[in-house]
């Protein structure tokens, strides 16, 4: 009987040590895991903002063609209002500067795309360099957090 009690005590002690180790590891990794999840979420949000900025560019160009030639600042304001309304509708919260920056980038990138004759092309492109840049930035942030 004494031998059985010893084995039971050893098993209980091992379970206690294992539980302590799991709790300790969880406490150590929780902040890093949160940062990793936040980095992934930010990348997804940036892709959504980038998509709507492209659509805002196309919308502003279309409005400019309908209303007559508008100035660049007028088109930028139309695009900003349109994009911020769409993002608010789908519940994406970003700052005004983030929206303006994405629209400016879309303007810069999509101005280089040839337009169709007689009308403004509604462009639905994926600019891989931008997506790769966002993925690279997220990966660097994750590696920094994980200490790689």
N, C-alpha and C. Protein backbone atom coordinates (compact mmCIF):
# COMPACT_ATOMS: atom_id res chain seq x y z
N UNK A 1 0.82 -1.20 0.00
CA UNK A 1 0.00 0.00 0.00
C UNK A 1 0.85 1.25 0.00
N UNK A 2 1.93 1.22 0.66
CA UNK A 2 2.80 2.37 0.76
C UNK A 2 3.33 2.76 -0.61
N UNK A 3 3.62 1.76 -1.45
CA UNK A 3 4.13 2.00 -2.79
C UNK A 3 3.08 2.69 -3.66
N UNK A 4 1.80 2.30 -3.51
CA UNK A 4 0.71 2.92 -4.26
C UNK A 4 0.55 4.39 -3.88
N UNK A 5 0.68 4.70 -2.62
CA UNK A 5 0.58 6.10 -2.18
C UNK A 5 1.71 6.94 -2.76
N UNK A 6 2.89 6.35 -2.84
CA UNK A 6 4.03 7.06 -3.40
C UNK A 6 3.81 7.37 -4.88
N UNK A 7 3.33 6.42 -5.64
CA UNK A 7 3.04 6.63 -7.06
C UNK A 7 1.96 7.68 -7.23
N UNK A 8 0.92 7.65 -6.42
CA UNK A 8 -0.15 8.64 -6.48
C UNK A 8 0.39 10.03 -6.20
N UNK A 9 1.24 10.17 -5.20
CA UNK A 9 1.81 11.46 -4.86
C UNK A 9 2.72 11.98 -5.99
N UNK A 10 3.47 11.09 -6.62
CA UNK A 10 4.34 11.49 -7.73
C UNK A 10 3.50 11.97 -8.91
N UNK A 11 2.45 11.24 -9.22
CA UNK A 11 1.56 11.63 -10.33
C UNK A 11 0.91 12.98 -10.05
N UNK A 12 0.42 13.19 -8.85
CA UNK A 12 -0.20 14.46 -8.47
C UNK A 12 0.81 15.59 -8.55
N UNK A 13 2.03 15.34 -8.10
CA UNK A 13 3.09 16.35 -8.17
C UNK A 13 3.41 16.70 -9.62
N UNK A 14 3.50 15.69 -10.48
CA UNK A 14 3.78 15.93 -11.90
C UNK A 14 2.65 16.73 -12.56
N UNK A 15 1.43 16.42 -12.21
CA UNK A 15 0.29 17.18 -12.75
C UNK A 15 0.37 18.63 -12.29
N UNK A 16 0.73 18.85 -11.04
CA UNK A 16 0.88 20.21 -10.51
C UNK A 16 1.99 20.97 -11.21
N UNK A 17 3.12 20.33 -11.45
CA UNK A 17 4.25 20.97 -12.14
C UNK A 17 3.86 21.29 -13.58
N UNK A 18 3.19 20.36 -14.23
CA UNK A 18 2.74 20.58 -15.61
C UNK A 18 1.74 21.75 -15.68
N UNK A 19 0.80 21.80 -14.76
CA UNK A 19 -0.16 22.90 -14.73
C UNK A 19 0.54 24.23 -14.50
N UNK A 20 1.49 24.25 -13.58
CA UNK A 20 2.25 25.47 -13.32
C UNK A 20 3.01 25.91 -14.57
N UNK A 21 3.64 24.96 -15.27
CA UNK A 21 4.40 25.28 -16.48
C UNK A 21 3.48 25.84 -17.57
N UNK A 22 2.31 25.25 -17.74
CA UNK A 22 1.36 25.75 -18.75
C UNK A 22 0.88 27.16 -18.42
N UNK A 23 0.60 27.41 -17.16
CA UNK A 23 0.16 28.76 -16.76
C UNK A 23 1.29 29.75 -16.98
N UNK A 24 2.49 29.39 -16.62
CA UNK A 24 3.65 30.27 -16.78
C UNK A 24 3.88 30.60 -18.27
N UNK A 25 3.83 29.58 -19.11
CA UNK A 25 4.02 29.79 -20.56
C UNK A 25 2.91 30.67 -21.11
N UNK A 26 1.68 30.45 -20.67
CA UNK A 26 0.55 31.27 -21.13
C UNK A 26 0.75 32.73 -20.74
N UNK A 27 1.20 32.96 -19.53
CA UNK A 27 1.43 34.34 -19.07
C UNK A 27 2.54 34.99 -19.89
N UNK A 28 3.57 34.25 -20.22
CA UNK A 28 4.68 34.80 -21.00
C UNK A 28 4.28 35.08 -22.45
N UNK A 29 3.49 34.20 -23.04
CA UNK A 29 3.16 34.33 -24.46
C UNK A 29 1.92 35.18 -24.75
N UNK A 30 1.10 35.44 -23.76
CA UNK A 30 -0.14 36.18 -24.00
C UNK A 30 0.09 37.55 -24.63
N UNK A 31 1.01 38.38 -24.12
CA UNK A 31 1.24 39.68 -24.76
C UNK A 31 1.74 39.56 -26.19
N UNK A 32 2.62 38.60 -26.44
CA UNK A 32 3.15 38.40 -27.79
C UNK A 32 2.05 37.91 -28.73
N UNK A 33 1.20 37.04 -28.24
CA UNK A 33 0.10 36.55 -29.05
C UNK A 33 -0.88 37.67 -29.37
N UNK A 34 -1.15 38.54 -28.41
CA UNK A 34 -2.04 39.67 -28.66
C UNK A 34 -1.46 40.59 -29.72
N UNK A 35 -0.17 40.88 -29.66
CA UNK A 35 0.47 41.72 -30.66
C UNK A 35 0.42 41.08 -32.04
N UNK A 36 0.62 39.77 -32.10
CA UNK A 36 0.56 39.06 -33.37
C UNK A 36 -0.85 39.14 -33.96
N UNK A 37 -1.86 38.94 -33.12
CA UNK A 37 -3.24 39.03 -33.60
C UNK A 37 -3.56 40.45 -34.05
N UNK A 38 -3.12 41.45 -33.29
CA UNK A 38 -3.34 42.84 -33.67
C UNK A 38 -2.67 43.17 -35.00
N UNK A 39 -1.46 42.65 -35.22
CA UNK A 39 -0.75 42.89 -36.48
C UNK A 39 -1.52 42.28 -37.65
N UNK A 40 -2.03 41.08 -37.47
CA UNK A 40 -2.81 40.45 -38.53
C UNK A 40 -4.10 41.21 -38.79
N UNK A 41 -4.76 41.68 -37.73
CA UNK A 41 -6.00 42.44 -37.88
C UNK A 41 -5.74 43.76 -38.58
N UNK A 42 -4.63 44.41 -38.25
CA UNK A 42 -4.29 45.68 -38.88
C UNK A 42 -4.03 45.49 -40.37
N UNK A 43 -3.39 44.40 -40.72
CA UNK A 43 -3.13 44.11 -42.13
C UNK A 43 -4.45 43.94 -42.86
N UNK A 44 -5.39 43.23 -42.27
CA UNK A 44 -6.71 43.05 -42.89
C UNK A 44 -7.44 44.38 -43.03
N UNK A 45 -7.34 45.22 -42.01
CA UNK A 45 -7.99 46.52 -42.06
C UNK A 45 -7.36 47.39 -43.15
N UNK A 46 -6.04 47.33 -43.27
CA UNK A 46 -5.35 48.10 -44.31
C UNK A 46 -5.78 47.67 -45.71
N UNK A 47 -5.99 46.38 -45.89
CA UNK A 47 -6.45 45.88 -47.19
C UNK A 47 -7.86 46.39 -47.50
N UNK A 48 -8.71 46.45 -46.49
CA UNK A 48 -10.06 46.97 -46.69
C UNK A 48 -10.00 48.45 -47.05
N UNK A 49 -9.20 49.21 -46.32
CA UNK A 49 -9.06 50.65 -46.58
C UNK A 49 -8.50 50.86 -47.99
N UNK A 50 -7.51 50.06 -48.35
CA UNK A 50 -6.91 50.18 -49.69
C UNK A 50 -7.94 49.89 -50.77
N UNK A 51 -8.75 48.86 -50.61
CA UNK A 51 -9.79 48.54 -51.59
C UNK A 51 -10.75 49.71 -51.76
N UNK A 52 -11.25 50.25 -50.64
CA UNK A 52 -12.21 51.34 -50.72
C UNK A 52 -11.58 52.63 -51.23
N UNK A 53 -10.30 52.84 -50.97
CA UNK A 53 -9.61 54.03 -51.50
C UNK A 53 -9.56 53.96 -53.02
N UNK A 54 -9.30 52.77 -53.56
CA UNK A 54 -9.31 52.60 -55.02
C UNK A 54 -10.69 52.89 -55.59
N UNK A 55 -11.71 52.37 -54.91
CA UNK A 55 -13.08 52.60 -55.37
C UNK A 55 -13.43 54.08 -55.25
N UNK A 56 -12.95 54.74 -54.19
CA UNK A 56 -13.20 56.17 -54.02
C UNK A 56 -12.55 56.98 -55.12
N UNK A 57 -11.36 56.60 -55.52
CA UNK A 57 -10.69 57.25 -56.65
C UNK A 57 -11.56 57.14 -57.90
N UNK A 58 -12.01 55.92 -58.20
CA UNK A 58 -12.83 55.70 -59.39
C UNK A 58 -14.13 56.49 -59.30
N UNK A 59 -14.74 56.53 -58.11
CA UNK A 59 -15.98 57.28 -57.92
C UNK A 59 -15.76 58.77 -58.17
N UNK A 60 -14.67 59.32 -57.64
CA UNK A 60 -14.37 60.75 -57.82
C UNK A 60 -14.11 61.06 -59.28
N UNK A 61 -13.43 60.19 -59.98
CA UNK A 61 -13.18 60.39 -61.41
C UNK A 61 -14.50 60.36 -62.19
N UNK A 62 -15.38 59.44 -61.82
CA UNK A 62 -16.68 59.35 -62.47
C UNK A 62 -17.49 60.62 -62.22
N UNK A 63 -17.52 61.09 -60.98
CA UNK A 63 -18.24 62.32 -60.64
C UNK A 63 -17.66 63.52 -61.39
N UNK A 64 -16.35 63.56 -61.52
CA UNK A 64 -15.69 64.65 -62.23
C UNK A 64 -16.12 64.67 -63.70
N UNK A 65 -16.23 63.48 -64.29
CA UNK A 65 -16.67 63.38 -65.68
C UNK A 65 -18.14 63.80 -65.82
N UNK A 66 -18.96 63.46 -64.83
CA UNK A 66 -20.38 63.81 -64.88
C UNK A 66 -20.61 65.31 -64.66
N UNK A 67 -19.88 65.91 -63.72
CA UNK A 67 -20.10 67.30 -63.36
C UNK A 67 -19.23 68.28 -64.15
N UNK A 68 -18.39 67.78 -64.98
CA UNK A 68 -17.40 68.63 -65.64
C UNK A 68 -16.10 68.49 -64.89
N UNK A 69 -15.07 69.01 -65.42
CA UNK A 69 -13.76 68.85 -64.82
C UNK A 69 -13.72 69.51 -63.45
N UNK A 70 -13.41 68.73 -62.43
CA UNK A 70 -13.25 69.24 -61.07
C UNK A 70 -11.77 69.38 -60.75
N UNK A 71 -11.48 70.23 -59.81
CA UNK A 71 -10.09 70.38 -59.38
C UNK A 71 -9.68 69.14 -58.59
N UNK A 72 -8.38 68.98 -58.45
CA UNK A 72 -7.86 67.84 -57.70
C UNK A 72 -8.34 67.82 -56.27
N UNK A 73 -8.40 69.00 -55.63
CA UNK A 73 -8.85 69.04 -54.24
C UNK A 73 -10.34 68.71 -54.13
N UNK A 74 -11.12 69.11 -55.14
CA UNK A 74 -12.55 68.76 -55.13
C UNK A 74 -12.74 67.25 -55.28
N UNK A 75 -11.96 66.65 -56.18
CA UNK A 75 -12.05 65.20 -56.36
C UNK A 75 -11.58 64.47 -55.10
N UNK A 76 -10.54 64.99 -54.47
CA UNK A 76 -10.04 64.37 -53.24
C UNK A 76 -11.10 64.43 -52.14
N UNK A 77 -11.81 65.54 -52.05
CA UNK A 77 -12.86 65.68 -51.04
C UNK A 77 -14.03 64.74 -51.33
N UNK A 78 -14.39 64.63 -52.60
CA UNK A 78 -15.46 63.69 -52.98
C UNK A 78 -15.05 62.26 -52.63
N UNK A 79 -13.83 61.90 -52.97
CA UNK A 79 -13.34 60.55 -52.67
C UNK A 79 -13.30 60.31 -51.17
N UNK A 80 -12.79 61.31 -50.42
CA UNK A 80 -12.70 61.16 -48.95
C UNK A 80 -14.08 60.95 -48.34
N UNK A 81 -15.05 61.79 -48.72
CA UNK A 81 -16.40 61.66 -48.17
C UNK A 81 -17.00 60.29 -48.50
N UNK A 82 -16.81 59.87 -49.75
CA UNK A 82 -17.38 58.60 -50.20
C UNK A 82 -16.75 57.43 -49.45
N UNK A 83 -15.42 57.42 -49.36
CA UNK A 83 -14.71 56.32 -48.68
C UNK A 83 -15.03 56.30 -47.19
N UNK A 84 -15.02 57.46 -46.55
CA UNK A 84 -15.29 57.47 -45.10
C UNK A 84 -16.72 57.00 -44.82
N UNK A 85 -17.67 57.34 -45.69
CA UNK A 85 -19.05 56.84 -45.53
C UNK A 85 -19.09 55.31 -45.66
N UNK A 86 -18.40 54.77 -46.67
CA UNK A 86 -18.40 53.32 -46.87
C UNK A 86 -17.75 52.60 -45.69
N UNK A 87 -16.62 53.12 -45.22
CA UNK A 87 -15.94 52.47 -44.10
C UNK A 87 -16.78 52.53 -42.83
N UNK A 88 -17.45 53.66 -42.61
CA UNK A 88 -18.32 53.78 -41.44
C UNK A 88 -19.48 52.79 -41.54
N UNK A 89 -20.01 52.62 -42.74
CA UNK A 89 -21.13 51.70 -42.96
C UNK A 89 -20.76 50.26 -42.61
N UNK A 90 -19.54 49.87 -42.96
CA UNK A 90 -19.14 48.48 -42.68
C UNK A 90 -18.45 48.34 -41.32
N UNK A 91 -18.31 49.45 -40.60
CA UNK A 91 -17.80 49.39 -39.23
C UNK A 91 -16.29 49.38 -39.10
N UNK A 92 -15.57 49.84 -40.11
CA UNK A 92 -14.12 49.93 -40.03
C UNK A 92 -13.76 51.30 -39.51
N UNK A 93 -13.07 51.33 -38.38
CA UNK A 93 -12.70 52.60 -37.74
C UNK A 93 -11.24 52.91 -38.03
N UNK A 94 -11.04 53.97 -38.80
CA UNK A 94 -9.69 54.45 -39.10
C UNK A 94 -9.70 55.97 -38.99
N UNK A 95 -8.51 56.54 -38.89
CA UNK A 95 -8.42 57.99 -38.76
C UNK A 95 -8.59 58.64 -40.13
N UNK A 96 -8.88 59.93 -40.11
CA UNK A 96 -9.02 60.69 -41.35
C UNK A 96 -7.71 60.68 -42.12
N UNK A 97 -6.59 60.76 -41.41
CA UNK A 97 -5.29 60.74 -42.08
C UNK A 97 -5.03 59.42 -42.79
N UNK A 98 -5.47 58.31 -42.20
CA UNK A 98 -5.30 57.01 -42.85
C UNK A 98 -6.12 56.95 -44.13
N UNK A 99 -7.34 57.48 -44.09
CA UNK A 99 -8.18 57.48 -45.29
C UNK A 99 -7.56 58.37 -46.35
N UNK A 100 -7.15 59.56 -45.96
CA UNK A 100 -6.56 60.49 -46.93
C UNK A 100 -5.27 59.91 -47.54
N UNK A 101 -4.48 59.29 -46.71
CA UNK A 101 -3.24 58.68 -47.21
C UNK A 101 -3.52 57.56 -48.20
N UNK A 102 -4.50 56.73 -47.91
CA UNK A 102 -4.85 55.63 -48.82
C UNK A 102 -5.39 56.18 -50.13
N UNK A 103 -6.21 57.23 -50.06
CA UNK A 103 -6.74 57.83 -51.29
C UNK A 103 -5.60 58.44 -52.10
N UNK A 104 -4.69 59.11 -51.43
CA UNK A 104 -3.54 59.71 -52.13
C UNK A 104 -2.72 58.63 -52.82
N UNK A 105 -2.48 57.51 -52.14
CA UNK A 105 -1.72 56.40 -52.72
C UNK A 105 -2.49 55.82 -53.91
N UNK A 106 -3.80 55.64 -53.75
CA UNK A 106 -4.62 55.12 -54.86
C UNK A 106 -4.54 56.07 -56.05
N UNK A 107 -4.63 57.36 -55.78
CA UNK A 107 -4.56 58.35 -56.84
C UNK A 107 -3.23 58.22 -57.58
N UNK A 108 -2.16 58.13 -56.80
CA UNK A 108 -0.83 58.04 -57.40
C UNK A 108 -0.69 56.76 -58.24
N UNK A 109 -1.11 55.63 -57.70
CA UNK A 109 -0.96 54.35 -58.40
C UNK A 109 -1.89 54.24 -59.59
N UNK A 110 -3.16 54.64 -59.41
CA UNK A 110 -4.15 54.42 -60.45
C UNK A 110 -4.11 55.48 -61.55
N UNK A 111 -3.49 56.60 -61.30
CA UNK A 111 -3.31 57.61 -62.35
C UNK A 111 -2.40 57.06 -63.44
N UNK A 112 -1.58 56.09 -63.09
CA UNK A 112 -0.66 55.51 -64.06
C UNK A 112 -1.33 54.47 -64.95
N UNK A 113 -2.56 54.07 -64.60
CA UNK A 113 -3.30 53.09 -65.38
C UNK A 113 -4.00 53.83 -66.52
N UNK A 114 -3.84 53.36 -67.76
CA UNK A 114 -4.48 54.06 -68.88
C UNK A 114 -6.00 54.06 -68.74
N UNK A 115 -6.61 55.15 -69.16
CA UNK A 115 -8.06 55.29 -69.08
C UNK A 115 -8.69 54.88 -70.42
N UNK A 116 -9.93 54.40 -70.36
CA UNK A 116 -10.64 54.04 -71.57
C UNK A 116 -11.02 55.31 -72.32
N UNK A 117 -11.12 55.23 -73.64
CA UNK A 117 -11.50 56.40 -74.42
C UNK A 117 -12.96 56.74 -74.15
N UNK A 118 -13.22 58.01 -73.96
CA UNK A 118 -14.59 58.48 -73.81
C UNK A 118 -15.14 58.39 -72.41
N UNK A 119 -14.53 57.68 -71.53
CA UNK A 119 -15.03 57.60 -70.16
C UNK A 119 -13.89 57.22 -69.23
N UNK A 120 -14.15 57.39 -67.99
CA UNK A 120 -13.16 57.03 -66.99
C UNK A 120 -13.31 55.55 -66.69
N UNK A 121 -12.20 54.86 -66.69
CA UNK A 121 -12.24 53.42 -66.40
C UNK A 121 -12.42 53.22 -64.91
N UNK A 122 -13.33 52.35 -64.56
CA UNK A 122 -13.44 51.93 -63.17
C UNK A 122 -12.47 50.78 -63.01
N UNK A 123 -11.45 51.05 -62.26
CA UNK A 123 -10.33 50.11 -62.18
C UNK A 123 -10.46 49.28 -60.92
N UNK A 124 -10.41 47.99 -61.10
CA UNK A 124 -10.40 47.09 -59.94
C UNK A 124 -9.12 46.28 -60.03
N UNK A 125 -8.03 46.88 -59.55
CA UNK A 125 -6.74 46.21 -59.65
C UNK A 125 -6.24 45.87 -58.26
N UNK A 126 -5.38 44.89 -58.23
CA UNK A 126 -4.67 44.59 -56.99
C UNK A 126 -3.23 44.97 -57.24
N UNK A 127 -2.75 45.92 -56.49
CA UNK A 127 -1.37 46.35 -56.64
C UNK A 127 -0.56 45.50 -55.69
N UNK A 128 0.13 44.52 -56.28
CA UNK A 128 0.81 43.53 -55.47
C UNK A 128 1.92 44.13 -54.63
N UNK A 129 2.57 45.16 -55.14
CA UNK A 129 3.66 45.76 -54.37
C UNK A 129 3.15 46.29 -53.04
N UNK A 130 1.97 46.90 -53.04
CA UNK A 130 1.40 47.43 -51.81
C UNK A 130 1.02 46.30 -50.86
N UNK A 131 0.39 45.26 -51.39
CA UNK A 131 0.01 44.13 -50.55
C UNK A 131 1.24 43.44 -49.97
N UNK A 132 2.28 43.28 -50.81
CA UNK A 132 3.51 42.65 -50.32
C UNK A 132 4.15 43.52 -49.24
N UNK A 133 4.09 44.84 -49.43
CA UNK A 133 4.66 45.76 -48.44
C UNK A 133 3.92 45.62 -47.10
N UNK A 134 2.59 45.55 -47.15
CA UNK A 134 1.81 45.41 -45.92
C UNK A 134 2.13 44.09 -45.24
N UNK A 135 2.23 43.00 -46.03
CA UNK A 135 2.54 41.70 -45.45
C UNK A 135 3.94 41.70 -44.84
N UNK A 136 4.88 42.35 -45.52
CA UNK A 136 6.25 42.43 -45.02
C UNK A 136 6.31 43.21 -43.71
N UNK A 137 5.56 44.32 -43.64
CA UNK A 137 5.54 45.12 -42.42
C UNK A 137 4.92 44.33 -41.27
N UNK A 138 3.86 43.60 -41.54
CA UNK A 138 3.23 42.79 -40.49
C UNK A 138 4.17 41.69 -40.03
N UNK A 139 4.87 41.08 -40.98
CA UNK A 139 5.80 40.01 -40.62
C UNK A 139 6.96 40.55 -39.78
N UNK A 140 7.46 41.75 -40.12
CA UNK A 140 8.53 42.36 -39.33
C UNK A 140 8.05 42.66 -37.91
N UNK A 141 6.81 43.16 -37.79
CA UNK A 141 6.27 43.45 -36.47
C UNK A 141 6.13 42.18 -35.64
N UNK A 142 5.68 41.12 -36.28
CA UNK A 142 5.52 39.83 -35.58
C UNK A 142 6.88 39.31 -35.14
N UNK A 143 7.85 39.35 -36.05
CA UNK A 143 9.19 38.87 -35.71
C UNK A 143 9.81 39.70 -34.60
N UNK A 144 9.57 40.99 -34.60
CA UNK A 144 10.10 41.85 -33.55
C UNK A 144 9.51 41.46 -32.19
N UNK A 145 8.22 41.20 -32.19
CA UNK A 145 7.55 40.80 -30.96
C UNK A 145 8.04 39.45 -30.46
N UNK A 146 8.21 38.54 -31.40
CA UNK A 146 8.63 37.18 -31.02
C UNK A 146 10.14 37.08 -30.81
N UNK A 147 10.86 38.15 -31.15
CA UNK A 147 12.29 38.18 -30.92
C UNK A 147 13.09 37.39 -31.94
N UNK A 148 12.53 37.24 -33.15
CA UNK A 148 13.25 36.50 -34.20
C UNK A 148 14.11 37.43 -35.01
